[in-house]
């Protein structure tokens, strides 16, 4: 019987769920290999925990990540967040700020204006 671990990460409205089990070192995000992520700037964000810990630690583990909700950047940061949860102890010694989640959320719109803070222009005549 093979051991399997699931963990999740969140960024704004995106949620990533990672399923880790023993294997050959495959890392897939939404069914596609980690090498095919575009653009390259976001690819390095996903690779960050792998590069910090070392690729040899992932040699006998298969990781499959499912991401739902949010936009492209939010999904990538979400994958990054949940992968950091798996290797928390190593990252704490490297840099604690890598583990702290981003608490910012979109502020809801209020009445009397077109957005959350903006108000309609006032006319005196």
PDB file of N, CA and C in Angstrom:
ATOM      1  N   UNK A   1       0.850  -1.192   0.000  1.00  0.00           N
ATOM      2  CA  UNK A   1       0.000   0.000   0.000  1.00  0.00           C
ATOM      3  C   UNK A   1       0.886   1.244   0.000  1.00  0.00           C
ATOM      4  N   UNK A   2       0.601   2.166  -0.893  1.00  0.00           N
ATOM      5  CA  UNK A   2       1.424   3.366  -0.989  1.00  0.00           C
ATOM      6  C   UNK A   2       0.827   4.486  -0.146  1.00  0.00           C
ATOM      7  N   UNK A   3       1.703   5.242   0.487  1.00  0.00           N
ATOM      8  CA  UNK A   3       1.256   6.376   1.271  1.00  0.00           C
ATOM      9  C   UNK A   3       0.981   7.550   0.349  1.00  0.00           C
ATOM     10  N   UNK A   4      -0.064   8.294   0.663  1.00  0.00           N
ATOM     11  CA  UNK A   4      -0.407   9.479  -0.112  1.00  0.00           C
ATOM     12  C   UNK A   4      -0.752  10.607   0.852  1.00  0.00           C
ATOM     13  N   UNK A   5      -0.380  11.822   0.478  1.00  0.00           N
ATOM     14  CA  UNK A   5      -0.628  12.995   1.308  1.00  0.00           C
ATOM     15  C   UNK A   5      -1.298  14.058   0.444  1.00  0.00           C
ATOM     16  N   UNK A   6      -2.312  14.695   0.985  1.00  0.00           N
ATOM     17  CA  UNK A   6      -2.952  15.808   0.296  1.00  0.00           C
ATOM     18  C   UNK A   6      -2.794  17.058   1.140  1.00  0.00           C
ATOM     19  N   UNK A   7      -2.498  18.191   0.484  1.00  0.00           N
ATOM     20  CA  UNK A   7      -2.504  19.464   1.189  1.00  0.00           C
ATOM     21  C   UNK A   7      -2.958  20.540   0.212  1.00  0.00           C
ATOM     22  N   UNK A   8      -3.322  21.692   0.740  1.00  0.00           N
ATOM     23  CA  UNK A   8      -3.876  22.733  -0.108  1.00  0.00           C
ATOM     24  C   UNK A   8      -3.242  24.078   0.220  1.00  0.00           C
ATOM     25  N   UNK A   9      -3.406  25.024  -0.704  1.00  0.00           N
ATOM     26  CA  UNK A   9      -2.961  26.392  -0.503  1.00  0.00           C
ATOM     27  C   UNK A   9      -3.972  27.316  -1.154  1.00  0.00           C
ATOM     28  N   UNK A  10      -4.053  28.550  -0.661  1.00  0.00           N
ATOM     29  CA  UNK A  10      -5.019  29.502  -1.215  1.00  0.00           C
ATOM     30  C   UNK A  10      -4.350  30.837  -1.484  1.00  0.00           C
ATOM     31  N   UNK A  11      -4.807  31.492  -2.555  1.00  0.00           N
ATOM     32  CA  UNK A  11      -4.394  32.859  -2.878  1.00  0.00           C
ATOM     33  C   UNK A  11      -5.606  33.524  -3.482  1.00  0.00           C
ATOM     34  N   UNK A  12      -6.120  34.546  -2.811  1.00  0.00           N
ATOM     35  CA  UNK A  12      -7.355  35.218  -3.222  1.00  0.00           C
ATOM     36  C   UNK A  12      -8.456  34.174  -3.400  1.00  0.00           C
ATOM     37  N   UNK A  13      -8.992  33.987  -4.618  1.00  0.00           N
ATOM     38  CA  UNK A  13     -10.068  33.014  -4.805  1.00  0.00           C
ATOM     39  C   UNK A  13      -9.581  31.706  -5.408  1.00  0.00           C
ATOM     40  N   UNK A  14      -8.283  31.581  -5.667  1.00  0.00           N
ATOM     41  CA  UNK A  14      -7.735  30.349  -6.241  1.00  0.00           C
ATOM     42  C   UNK A  14      -7.399  29.363  -5.120  1.00  0.00           C
ATOM     43  N   UNK A  15      -7.663  28.098  -5.390  1.00  0.00           N
ATOM     44  CA  UNK A  15      -7.349  27.045  -4.433  1.00  0.00           C
ATOM     45  C   UNK A  15      -6.603  25.929  -5.146  1.00  0.00           C
ATOM     46  N   UNK A  16      -5.457  25.538  -4.603  1.00  0.00           N
ATOM     47  CA  UNK A  16      -4.661  24.447  -5.177  1.00  0.00           C
ATOM     48  C   UNK A  16      -4.653  23.282  -4.196  1.00  0.00           C
ATOM     49  N   UNK A  17      -4.884  22.085  -4.729  1.00  0.00           N
ATOM     50  CA  UNK A  17      -4.827  20.869  -3.929  1.00  0.00           C
ATOM     51  C   UNK A  17      -3.740  19.983  -4.524  1.00  0.00           C
ATOM     52  N   UNK A  18      -2.768  19.603  -3.697  1.00  0.00           N
ATOM     53  CA  UNK A  18      -1.664  18.759  -4.157  1.00  0.00           C
ATOM     54  C   UNK A  18      -1.849  17.355  -3.597  1.00  0.00           C
ATOM     55  N   UNK A  19      -1.656  16.373  -4.462  1.00  0.00           N
ATOM     56  CA  UNK A  19      -1.721  14.964  -4.073  1.00  0.00           C
ATOM     57  C   UNK A  19      -0.335  14.382  -4.277  1.00  0.00           C
ATOM     58  N   UNK A  20       0.325  14.010  -3.188  1.00  0.00           N
ATOM     59  CA  UNK A  20       1.698  13.501  -3.239  1.00  0.00           C
ATOM     60  C   UNK A  20       1.700  12.016  -2.907  1.00  0.00           C
ATOM     61  N   UNK A  21       2.450  11.247  -3.695  1.00  0.00           N
ATOM     62  CA  UNK A  21       2.609   9.824  -3.425  1.00  0.00           C
ATOM     63  C   UNK A  21       3.965   9.369  -3.936  1.00  0.00           C
ATOM     64  N   UNK A  22       4.347   8.148  -3.595  1.00  0.00           N
ATOM     65  CA  UNK A  22       5.623   7.623  -4.077  1.00  0.00           C
ATOM     66  C   UNK A  22       5.554   7.427  -5.580  1.00  0.00           C
ATOM     67  N   UNK A  23       6.681   7.720  -6.249  1.00  0.00           N
ATOM     68  CA  UNK A  23       6.682   7.593  -7.702  1.00  0.00           C
ATOM     69  C   UNK A  23       8.056   7.826  -8.297  1.00  0.00           C
ATOM     70  N   UNK A  24       8.060   8.495  -9.484  1.00  0.00           N
ATOM     71  CA  UNK A  24       9.291   8.660 -10.245  1.00  0.00           C
ATOM     72  C   UNK A  24       9.768  10.104 -10.332  1.00  0.00           C
ATOM     73  N   UNK A  25       9.160  11.017  -9.594  1.00  0.00           N
ATOM     74  CA  UNK A  25       9.595  12.401  -9.638  1.00  0.00           C
ATOM     75  C   UNK A  25       8.780  13.280 -10.569  1.00  0.00           C
ATOM     76  N   UNK A  26       7.569  12.853 -10.925  1.00  0.00           N
ATOM     77  CA  UNK A  26       6.709  13.657 -11.794  1.00  0.00           C
ATOM     78  C   UNK A  26       6.042  14.764 -10.990  1.00  0.00           C
ATOM     79  N   UNK A  27       6.052  15.965 -11.540  1.00  0.00           N
ATOM     80  CA  UNK A  27       5.331  17.086 -10.937  1.00  0.00           C
ATOM     81  C   UNK A  27       4.438  17.669 -12.023  1.00  0.00           C
ATOM     82  N   UNK A  28       3.123  17.569 -11.820  1.00  0.00           N
ATOM     83  CA  UNK A  28       2.170  18.052 -12.822  1.00  0.00           C
ATOM     84  C   UNK A  28       1.214  19.049 -12.189  1.00  0.00           C
ATOM     85  N   UNK A  29       0.858  20.072 -12.970  1.00  0.00           N
ATOM     86  CA  UNK A  29      -0.104  21.072 -12.540  1.00  0.00           C
ATOM     87  C   UNK A  29      -1.241  21.065 -13.544  1.00  0.00           C
ATOM     88  N   UNK A  30      -2.439  20.749 -13.067  1.00  0.00           N
ATOM     89  CA  UNK A  30      -3.620  20.592 -13.919  1.00  0.00           C
ATOM     90  C   UNK A  30      -3.352  19.650 -15.088  1.00  0.00           C
ATOM     91  N   UNK A  31      -2.619  18.577 -14.858  1.00  0.00           N
ATOM     92  CA  UNK A  31      -2.381  17.555 -15.860  1.00  0.00           C
ATOM     93  C   UNK A  31      -1.215  17.795 -16.790  1.00  0.00           C
ATOM     94  N   UNK A  32      -0.605  18.976 -16.763  1.00  0.00           N
ATOM     95  CA  UNK A  32       0.531  19.246 -17.650  1.00  0.00           C
ATOM     96  C   UNK A  32       1.813  19.344 -16.826  1.00  0.00           C
ATOM     97  N   UNK A  33       2.942  18.914 -17.402  1.00  0.00           N
ATOM     98  CA  UNK A  33       4.211  18.945 -16.659  1.00  0.00           C
ATOM     99  C   UNK A  33       4.598  20.362 -16.245  1.00  0.00           C
ATOM    100  N   UNK A  34       5.369  20.443 -15.172  1.00  0.00           N
ATOM    101  CA  UNK A  34       5.760  21.736 -14.602  1.00  0.00           C
ATOM    102  C   UNK A  34       6.636  22.533 -15.574  1.00  0.00           C
ATOM    103  N   UNK A  35       7.314  21.831 -16.512  1.00  0.00           N
ATOM    104  CA  UNK A  35       8.186  22.507 -17.475  1.00  0.00           C
ATOM    105  C   UNK A  35       7.419  23.334 -18.495  1.00  0.00           C
ATOM    106  N   UNK A  36       6.131  23.035 -18.702  1.00  0.00           N
ATOM    107  CA  UNK A  36       5.357  23.699 -19.756  1.00  0.00           C
ATOM    108  C   UNK A  36       4.595  24.931 -19.281  1.00  0.00           C
ATOM    109  N   UNK A  37       4.813  25.358 -18.041  1.00  0.00           N
ATOM    110  CA  UNK A  37       4.101  26.533 -17.524  1.00  0.00           C
ATOM    111  C   UNK A  37       4.578  27.787 -18.236  1.00  0.00           C
ATOM    112  N   UNK A  38       3.644  28.610 -18.657  1.00  0.00           N
ATOM    113  CA  UNK A  38       3.943  29.886 -19.299  1.00  0.00           C
ATOM    114  C   UNK A  38       3.310  30.997 -18.485  1.00  0.00           C
ATOM    115  N   UNK A  39       3.837  32.193 -18.428  1.00  0.00           N
ATOM    116  CA  UNK A  39       5.134  32.666 -18.900  1.00  0.00           C
ATOM    117  C   UNK A  39       6.265  32.182 -17.989  1.00  0.00           C
ATOM    118  N   UNK A  40       7.496  32.416 -18.423  1.00  0.00           N
ATOM    119  CA  UNK A  40       8.669  31.906 -17.714  1.00  0.00           C
ATOM    120  C   UNK A  40       8.831  32.499 -16.313  1.00  0.00           C
ATOM    121  N   UNK A  41       8.376  33.739 -16.131  1.00  0.00           N
ATOM    122  CA  UNK A  41       8.494  34.380 -14.814  1.00  0.00           C
ATOM    123  C   UNK A  41       7.684  33.588 -13.786  1.00  0.00           C
ATOM    124  N   UNK A  42       6.496  33.154 -14.175  1.00  0.00           N
ATOM    125  CA  UNK A  42       5.665  32.385 -13.259  1.00  0.00           C
ATOM    126  C   UNK A  42       6.199  30.963 -13.087  1.00  0.00           C
ATOM    127  N   UNK A  43       6.878  30.452 -14.100  1.00  0.00           N
ATOM    128  CA  UNK A  43       7.469  29.114 -14.003  1.00  0.00           C
ATOM    129  C   UNK A  43       8.514  29.084 -12.885  1.00  0.00           C
ATOM    130  N   UNK A  44       9.321  30.137 -12.782  1.00  0.00           N
ATOM    131  CA  UNK A  44      10.338  30.189 -11.741  1.00  0.00           C
ATOM    132  C   UNK A  44       9.713  30.326 -10.352  1.00  0.00           C
ATOM    133  N   UNK A  45       8.546  30.949 -10.280  1.00  0.00           N
ATOM    134  CA  UNK A  45       7.841  31.056  -8.990  1.00  0.00           C
ATOM    135  C   UNK A  45       7.418  29.669  -8.507  1.00  0.00           C
ATOM    136  N   UNK A  46       6.993  28.813  -9.436  1.00  0.00           N
ATOM    137  CA  UNK A  46       6.603  27.448  -9.071  1.00  0.00           C
ATOM    138  C   UNK A  46       7.833  26.616  -8.726  1.00  0.00           C
ATOM    139  N   UNK A  47       8.927  26.840  -9.429  1.00  0.00           N
ATOM    140  CA  UNK A  47      10.159  26.099  -9.195  1.00  0.00           C
ATOM    141  C   UNK A  47      10.856  26.497  -7.894  1.00  0.00           C
ATOM    142  N   UNK A  48      10.501  27.649  -7.315  1.00  0.00           N
ATOM    143  CA  UNK A  48      11.206  28.187  -6.152  1.00  0.00           C
ATOM    144  C   UNK A  48      11.378  27.180  -5.010  1.00  0.00           C
ATOM    145  N   UNK A  49      10.305  26.529  -4.514  1.00  0.00           N
ATOM    146  CA  UNK A  49      10.519  25.578  -3.422  1.00  0.00           C
ATOM    147  C   UNK A  49      11.352  24.364  -3.840  1.00  0.00           C
ATOM    148  N   UNK A  50      11.257  23.970  -5.098  1.00  0.00           N
ATOM    149  CA  UNK A  50      12.037  22.825  -5.583  1.00  0.00           C
ATOM    150  C   UNK A  50      13.515  23.176  -5.606  1.00  0.00           C
ATOM    151  N   UNK A  51      13.841  24.385  -6.044  1.00  0.00           N
ATOM    152  CA  UNK A  51      15.231  24.807  -6.109  1.00  0.00           C
ATOM    153  C   UNK A  51      15.830  25.011  -4.714  1.00  0.00           C
ATOM    154  N   UNK A  52      15.012  25.481  -3.770  1.00  0.00           N
ATOM    155  CA  UNK A  52      15.496  25.722  -2.411  1.00  0.00           C
ATOM    156  C   UNK A  52      15.817  24.397  -1.718  1.00  0.00           C
ATOM    157  N   UNK A  53      14.904  23.456  -1.800  1.00  0.00           N
ATOM    158  CA  UNK A  53      15.064  22.184  -1.099  1.00  0.00           C
ATOM    159  C   UNK A  53      16.031  21.264  -1.835  1.00  0.00           C
ATOM    160  N   UNK A  54      16.018  21.316  -3.158  1.00  0.00           N
ATOM    161  CA  UNK A  54      16.871  20.442  -3.957  1.00  0.00           C
ATOM    162  C   UNK A  54      16.030  19.444  -4.730  1.00  0.00           C
ATOM    163  N   UNK A  55      16.347  19.283  -6.003  1.00  0.00           N
ATOM    164  CA  UNK A  55      15.557  18.419  -6.866  1.00  0.00           C
ATOM    165  C   UNK A  55      15.667  16.947  -6.473  1.00  0.00           C
ATOM    166  N   UNK A  56      16.780  16.573  -5.826  1.00  0.00           N
ATOM    167  CA  UNK A  56      16.964  15.168  -5.451  1.00  0.00           C
ATOM    168  C   UNK A  56      15.940  14.704  -4.417  1.00  0.00           C
ATOM    169  N   UNK A  57      15.378  15.614  -3.638  1.00  0.00           N
ATOM    170  CA  UNK A  57      14.352  15.241  -2.653  1.00  0.00           C
ATOM    171  C   UNK A  57      13.032  14.862  -3.309  1.00  0.00           C
ATOM    172  N   UNK A  58      12.809  15.363  -4.543  1.00  0.00           N
ATOM    173  CA  UNK A  58      11.573  15.083  -5.262  1.00  0.00           C
ATOM    174  C   UNK A  58      11.734  13.926  -6.248  1.00  0.00           C
ATOM    175  N   UNK A  59      12.885  13.230  -6.212  1.00  0.00           N
ATOM    176  CA  UNK A  59      13.191  12.190  -7.198  1.00  0.00           C
ATOM    177  C   UNK A  59      12.268  10.983  -7.094  1.00  0.00           C
ATOM    178  N   UNK A  60      11.802  10.636  -5.898  1.00  0.00           N
ATOM    179  CA  UNK A  60      10.952   9.459  -5.758  1.00  0.00           C
ATOM    180  C   UNK A  60       9.551   9.811  -5.270  1.00  0.00           C
ATOM    181  N   UNK A  61       9.073  11.020  -5.614  1.00  0.00           N
ATOM    182  CA  UNK A  61       7.744  11.477  -5.223  1.00  0.00           C
ATOM    183  C   UNK A  61       7.021  12.027  -6.446  1.00  0.00           C
ATOM    184  N   UNK A  62       5.786  11.606  -6.652  1.00  0.00           N
ATOM    185  CA  UNK A  62       4.938  12.172  -7.689  1.00  0.00           C
ATOM    186  C   UNK A  62       3.999  13.192  -7.047  1.00  0.00           C
ATOM    187  N   UNK A  63       3.923  14.381  -7.629  1.00  0.00           N
ATOM    188  CA  UNK A  63       3.047  15.427  -7.117  1.00  0.00           C
ATOM    189  C   UNK A  63       2.100  15.849  -8.232  1.00  0.00           C
ATOM    190  N   UNK A  64       0.812  15.734  -7.959  1.00  0.00           N
ATOM    191  CA  UNK A  64      -0.197  16.190  -8.912  1.00  0.00           C
ATOM    192  C   UNK A  64      -0.996  17.307  -8.244  1.00  0.00           C
ATOM    193  N   UNK A  65      -1.064  18.453  -8.909  1.00  0.00           N
ATOM    194  CA  UNK A  65      -1.712  19.642  -8.340  1.00  0.00           C
ATOM    195  C   UNK A  65      -2.910  20.006  -9.191  1.00  0.00           C
ATOM    196  N   UNK A  66      -4.048  20.223  -8.534  1.00  0.00           N
ATOM    197  CA  UNK A  66      -5.243  20.731  -9.206  1.00  0.00           C
ATOM    198  C   UNK A  66      -5.507  22.143  -8.706  1.00  0.00           C
ATOM    199  N   UNK A  67      -5.706  23.079  -9.628  1.00  0.00           N
ATOM    200  CA  UNK A  67      -5.938  24.476  -9.256  1.00  0.00           C
ATOM    201  C   UNK A  67      -7.258  24.922  -9.848  1.00  0.00           C
ATOM    202  N   UNK A  68      -8.092  25.560  -9.015  1.00  0.00           N
ATOM    203  CA  UNK A  68      -9.380  26.079  -9.479  1.00  0.00           C
ATOM    204  C   UNK A  68      -9.542  27.513  -8.992  1.00  0.00           C
ATOM    205  N   UNK A  69     -10.234  28.311  -9.797  1.00  0.00           N
ATOM    206  CA  UNK A  69     -10.579  29.675  -9.413  1.00  0.00           C
ATOM    207  C   UNK A  69      -9.447  30.659  -9.610  1.00  0.00           C
ATOM    208  N   UNK A  70      -9.785  31.945  -9.587  1.00  0.00           N
ATOM    209  CA  UNK A  70      -8.782  32.994  -9.705  1.00  0.00           C
ATOM    210  C   UNK A  70      -8.225  33.127 -11.106  1.00  0.00           C
ATOM    211  N   UNK A  71      -7.227  33.987 -11.251  1.00  0.00           N
ATOM    212  CA  UNK A  71      -6.578  34.203 -12.538  1.00  0.00           C
ATOM    213  C   UNK A  71      -5.285  33.415 -12.637  1.00  0.00           C
ATOM    214  N   UNK A  72      -4.551  33.654 -13.709  1.00  0.00           N
ATOM    215  CA  UNK A  72      -3.332  32.890 -13.976  1.00  0.00           C
ATOM    216  C   UNK A  72      -2.269  33.123 -12.908  1.00  0.00           C
ATOM    217  N   UNK A  73      -2.018  34.380 -12.576  1.00  0.00           N
ATOM    218  CA  UNK A  73      -0.985  34.704 -11.591  1.00  0.00           C
ATOM    219  C   UNK A  73      -1.395  34.191 -10.214  1.00  0.00           C
ATOM    220  N   UNK A  74      -2.653  34.384  -9.858  1.00  0.00           N
ATOM    221  CA  UNK A  74      -3.138  33.930  -8.557  1.00  0.00           C
ATOM    222  C   UNK A  74      -3.036  32.415  -8.430  1.00  0.00           C
ATOM    223  N   UNK A  75      -3.299  31.694  -9.517  1.00  0.00           N
ATOM    224  CA  UNK A  75      -3.192  30.235  -9.482  1.00  0.00           C
ATOM    225  C   UNK A  75      -1.754  29.792  -9.284  1.00  0.00           C
ATOM    226  N   UNK A  76      -0.806  30.470  -9.952  1.00  0.00           N
ATOM    227  CA  UNK A  76       0.602  30.100  -9.810  1.00  0.00           C
ATOM    228  C   UNK A  76       1.082  30.363  -8.385  1.00  0.00           C
ATOM    229  N   UNK A  77       0.716  31.512  -7.819  1.00  0.00           N
ATOM    230  CA  UNK A  77       1.112  31.814  -6.448  1.00  0.00           C
ATOM    231  C   UNK A  77       0.465  30.834  -5.476  1.00  0.00           C
ATOM    232  N   UNK A  78      -0.722  30.353  -5.827  1.00  0.00           N
ATOM    233  CA  UNK A  78      -1.434  29.383  -5.014  1.00  0.00           C
ATOM    234  C   UNK A  78      -0.716  28.044  -5.006  1.00  0.00           C
ATOM    235  N   UNK A  79      -0.257  27.600  -6.168  1.00  0.00           N
ATOM    236  CA  UNK A  79       0.517  26.362  -6.267  1.00  0.00           C
ATOM    237  C   UNK A  79       1.788  26.497  -5.438  1.00  0.00           C
ATOM    238  N   UNK A  80       2.420  27.657  -5.539  1.00  0.00           N
ATOM    239  CA  UNK A  80       3.636  27.930  -4.781  1.00  0.00           C
ATOM    240  C   UNK A  80       3.357  27.847  -3.280  1.00  0.00           C
ATOM    241  N   UNK A  81       2.221  28.374  -2.860  1.00  0.00           N
ATOM    242  CA  UNK A  81       1.854  28.395  -1.451  1.00  0.00           C
ATOM    243  C   UNK A  81       1.659  26.987  -0.905  1.00  0.00           C
ATOM    244  N   UNK A  82       0.914  26.146  -1.631  1.00  0.00           N
ATOM    245  CA  UNK A  82       0.650  24.802  -1.114  1.00  0.00           C
ATOM    246  C   UNK A  82       1.891  23.929  -1.156  1.00  0.00           C
ATOM    247  N   UNK A  83       2.771  24.132  -2.143  1.00  0.00           N
ATOM    248  CA  UNK A  83       3.988  23.324  -2.185  1.00  0.00           C
ATOM    249  C   UNK A  83       4.915  23.691  -1.022  1.00  0.00           C
ATOM    250  N   UNK A  84       4.854  24.934  -0.586  1.00  0.00           N
ATOM    251  CA  UNK A  84       5.659  25.351   0.565  1.00  0.00           C
ATOM    252  C   UNK A  84       5.129  24.750   1.859  1.00  0.00           C
ATOM    253  N   UNK A  85       3.824  24.470   1.912  1.00  0.00           N
ATOM    254  CA  UNK A  85       3.276  23.836   3.106  1.00  0.00           C
ATOM    255  C   UNK A  85       3.851  22.434   3.293  1.00  0.00           C
ATOM    256  N   UNK A  86       4.135  21.744   2.203  1.00  0.00           N
ATOM    257  CA  UNK A  86       4.648  20.384   2.283  1.00  0.00           C
ATOM    258  C   UNK A  86       6.057  20.344   2.861  1.00  0.00           C
ATOM    259  N   UNK A  87       6.867  21.355   2.571  1.00  0.00           N
ATOM    260  CA  UNK A  87       8.280  21.343   2.971  1.00  0.00           C
ATOM    261  C   UNK A  87       8.562  22.474   3.957  1.00  0.00           C
ATOM    262  N   UNK A  88       7.626  22.644   4.875  1.00  0.00           N
ATOM    263  CA  UNK A  88       7.638  23.779   5.786  1.00  0.00           C
ATOM    264  C   UNK A  88       8.917  23.876   6.617  1.00  0.00           C
ATOM    265  N   UNK A  89       9.351  22.794   7.191  1.00  0.00           N
ATOM    266  CA  UNK A  89      10.482  22.849   8.124  1.00  0.00           C
ATOM    267  C   UNK A  89      11.757  23.340   7.451  1.00  0.00           C
ATOM    268  N   UNK A  90      12.005  22.880   6.233  1.00  0.00           N
ATOM    269  CA  UNK A  90      13.207  23.307   5.518  1.00  0.00           C
ATOM    270  C   UNK A  90      13.139  24.789   5.168  1.00  0.00           C
ATOM    271  N   UNK A  91      11.949  25.241   4.780  1.00  0.00           N
ATOM    272  CA  UNK A  91      11.799  26.641   4.379  1.00  0.00           C
ATOM    273  C   UNK A  91      11.861  27.600   5.562  1.00  0.00           C
ATOM    274  N   UNK A  92      11.459  27.147   6.742  1.00  0.00           N
ATOM    275  CA  UNK A  92      11.531  28.018   7.923  1.00  0.00           C
ATOM    276  C   UNK A  92      12.978  28.377   8.204  1.00  0.00           C
ATOM    277  N   UNK A  93      13.877  27.409   8.032  1.00  0.00           N
ATOM    278  CA  UNK A  93      15.284  27.712   8.257  1.00  0.00           C
ATOM    279  C   UNK A  93      15.846  28.604   7.159  1.00  0.00           C
ATOM    280  N   UNK A  94      15.281  28.531   5.947  1.00  0.00           N
ATOM    281  CA  UNK A  94      15.760  29.356   4.828  1.00  0.00           C
ATOM    282  C   UNK A  94      15.244  30.789   4.949  1.00  0.00           C
ATOM    283  N   UNK A  95      13.922  30.960   4.992  1.00  0.00           N
ATOM    284  CA  UNK A  95      13.334  32.301   5.077  1.00  0.00           C
ATOM    285  C   UNK A  95      11.881  32.157   5.517  1.00  0.00           C
ATOM    286  N   UNK A  96      11.545  32.662   6.684  1.00  0.00           N
ATOM    287  CA  UNK A  96      10.198  32.496   7.221  1.00  0.00           C
ATOM    288  C   UNK A  96       9.137  33.214   6.395  1.00  0.00           C
ATOM    289  N   UNK A  97       9.485  34.301   5.720  1.00  0.00           N
ATOM    290  CA  UNK A  97       8.507  35.072   4.950  1.00  0.00           C
ATOM    291  C   UNK A  97       7.954  34.291   3.760  1.00  0.00           C
ATOM    292  N   UNK A  98       8.624  33.210   3.358  1.00  0.00           N
ATOM    293  CA  UNK A  98       8.103  32.393   2.261  1.00  0.00           C
ATOM    294  C   UNK A  98       6.844  31.643   2.652  1.00  0.00           C
ATOM    295  N   UNK A  99       6.631  31.421   3.950  1.00  0.00           N
ATOM    296  CA  UNK A  99       5.489  30.634   4.396  1.00  0.00           C
ATOM    297  C   UNK A  99       4.263  31.460   4.740  1.00  0.00           C
ATOM    298  N   UNK A 100       4.422  32.756   4.905  1.00  0.00           N
ATOM    299  CA  UNK A 100       3.303  33.591   5.325  1.00  0.00           C
ATOM    300  C   UNK A 100       2.388  33.855   4.123  1.00  0.00           C
ATOM    301  N   UNK A 101       1.116  33.492   4.269  1.00  0.00           N
ATOM    302  CA  UNK A 101       0.151  33.672   3.183  1.00  0.00           C
ATOM    303  C   UNK A 101      -0.237  35.144   3.046  1.00  0.00           C
ATOM    304  N   UNK A 102      -0.690  35.518   1.869  1.00  0.00           N
ATOM    305  CA  UNK A 102      -1.103  36.893   1.590  1.00  0.00           C
ATOM    306  C   UNK A 102      -2.574  37.050   1.987  1.00  0.00           C
ATOM    307  N   UNK A 103      -2.884  37.855   3.010  1.00  0.00           N
ATOM    308  CA  UNK A 103      -4.260  37.938   3.495  1.00  0.00           C
ATOM    309  C   UNK A 103      -5.145  38.903   2.709  1.00  0.00           C
ATOM    310  N   UNK A 104      -4.608  39.599   1.713  1.00  0.00           N
ATOM    311  CA  UNK A 104      -5.388  40.624   1.013  1.00  0.00           C
ATOM    312  C   UNK A 104      -6.535  40.003   0.218  1.00  0.00           C
ATOM    313  N   UNK A 105      -7.697  40.655   0.272  1.00  0.00           N
ATOM    314  CA  UNK A 105      -8.867  40.238  -0.489  1.00  0.00           C
ATOM    315  C   UNK A 105      -9.463  41.459  -1.166  1.00  0.00           C
ATOM    316  N   UNK A 106     -10.303  41.223  -2.152  1.00  0.00           N
ATOM    317  CA  UNK A 106     -10.966  42.310  -2.862  1.00  0.00           C
ATOM    318  C   UNK A 106     -12.035  42.914  -1.955  1.00  0.00           C
ATOM    319  N   UNK A 107     -12.017  44.238  -1.820  1.00  0.00           N
ATOM    320  CA  UNK A 107     -12.985  44.914  -0.964  1.00  0.00           C
ATOM    321  C   UNK A 107     -14.310  45.038  -1.701  1.00  0.00           C
ATOM    322  N   UNK A 108     -15.435  44.743  -1.050  1.00  0.00           N
ATOM    323  CA  UNK A 108     -16.721  44.802  -1.744  1.00  0.00           C
ATOM    324  C   UNK A 108     -17.153  46.234  -2.068  1.00  0.00           C
ATOM    325  N   UNK A 109     -17.914  46.367  -3.148  1.00  0.00           N
ATOM    326  CA  UNK A 109     -18.422  47.675  -3.581  1.00  0.00           C
ATOM    327  C   UNK A 109     -19.493  48.165  -2.606  1.00  0.00           C
ATOM    328  N   UNK A 110     -19.499  49.492  -2.377  1.00  0.00           N
ATOM    329  CA  UNK A 110     -20.518  50.110  -1.545  1.00  0.00           C
ATOM    330  C   UNK A 110     -21.416  51.003  -2.394  1.00  0.00           C
ATOM    331  N   UNK A 111     -22.524  51.419  -1.817  1.00  0.00           N
ATOM    332  CA  UNK A 111     -23.434  52.320  -2.527  1.00  0.00           C
ATOM    333  C   UNK A 111     -22.846  53.728  -2.586  1.00  0.00           C
ATOM    334  N   UNK A 112     -23.320  54.535  -3.529  1.00  0.00           N
ATOM    335  CA  UNK A 112     -22.883  55.920  -3.641  1.00  0.00           C
ATOM    336  C   UNK A 112     -21.635  56.115  -4.471  1.00  0.00           C
ATOM    337  N   UNK A 113     -21.198  55.095  -5.173  1.00  0.00           N
ATOM    338  CA  UNK A 113     -19.998  55.218  -5.987  1.00  0.00           C
ATOM    339  C   UNK A 113     -19.825  54.019  -6.911  1.00  0.00           C
ATOM    340  N   UNK A 114     -18.888  54.130  -7.854  1.00  0.00           N
ATOM    341  CA  UNK A 114     -18.677  53.048  -8.816  1.00  0.00           C
ATOM    342  C   UNK A 114     -17.833  51.894  -8.283  1.00  0.00           C
ATOM    343  N   UNK A 115     -17.179  52.060  -7.129  1.00  0.00           N
ATOM    344  CA  UNK A 115     -16.315  51.005  -6.598  1.00  0.00           C
ATOM    345  C   UNK A 115     -16.351  50.972  -5.088  1.00  0.00           C
ATOM    346  N   UNK A 116     -15.343  50.329  -4.500  1.00  0.00           N
ATOM    347  CA  UNK A 116     -15.303  50.160  -3.052  1.00  0.00           C
ATOM    348  C   UNK A 116     -15.055  51.479  -2.328  1.00  0.00           C
ATOM    349  N   UNK A 117     -14.145  52.293  -2.853  1.00  0.00           N
ATOM    350  CA  UNK A 117     -13.789  53.558  -2.190  1.00  0.00           C
ATOM    351  C   UNK A 117     -14.192  54.787  -3.001  1.00  0.00           C
ATOM    352  N   UNK A 118     -14.199  54.682  -4.321  1.00  0.00           N
ATOM    353  CA  UNK A 118     -14.486  55.847  -5.173  1.00  0.00           C
ATOM    354  C   UNK A 118     -15.935  56.279  -5.010  1.00  0.00           C
ATOM    355  N   UNK A 119     -16.175  57.586  -5.027  1.00  0.00           N
ATOM    356  CA  UNK A 119     -17.529  58.142  -4.932  1.00  0.00           C
ATOM    357  C   UNK A 119     -17.875  58.819  -6.248  1.00  0.00           C
ATOM    358  N   UNK A 120     -19.172  58.957  -6.506  1.00  0.00           N
ATOM    359  CA  UNK A 120     -19.593  59.700  -7.683  1.00  0.00           C
ATOM    360  C   UNK A 120     -19.266  61.172  -7.492  1.00  0.00           C
ATOM    361  N   UNK A 121     -18.997  61.897  -8.613  1.00  0.00           N
ATOM    362  CA  UNK A 121     -18.693  63.320  -8.511  1.00  0.00           C
ATOM    363  C   UNK A 121     -19.874  64.111  -8.015  1.00  0.00           C
ATOM    364  N   UNK A 122     -19.594  65.152  -7.219  1.00  0.00           N
ATOM    365  CA  UNK A 122     -20.639  65.975  -6.648  1.00  0.00           C
ATOM    366  C   UNK A 122     -20.782  67.251  -7.476  1.00  0.00           C
ATOM    367  N   UNK A 123     -22.008  67.587  -7.812  1.00  0.00           N
ATOM    368  CA  UNK A 123     -22.274  68.804  -8.602  1.00  0.00           C
ATOM    369  C   UNK A 123     -23.048  69.798  -7.754  1.00  0.00           C
ATOM    370  N   UNK A 124     -22.573  71.044  -7.743  1.00  0.00           N
ATOM    371  CA  UNK A 124     -23.231  72.079  -6.946  1.00  0.00           C
ATOM    372  C   UNK A 124     -24.203  72.902  -7.782  1.00  0.00           C
ATOM    373  N   UNK A 125     -24.256  72.714  -9.072  1.00  0.00           N
ATOM    374  CA  UNK A 125     -25.172  73.508  -9.927  1.00  0.00           C
ATOM    375  C   UNK A 125     -26.025  72.626 -10.782  1.00  0.00           C
TER     376      UNK A 125
END
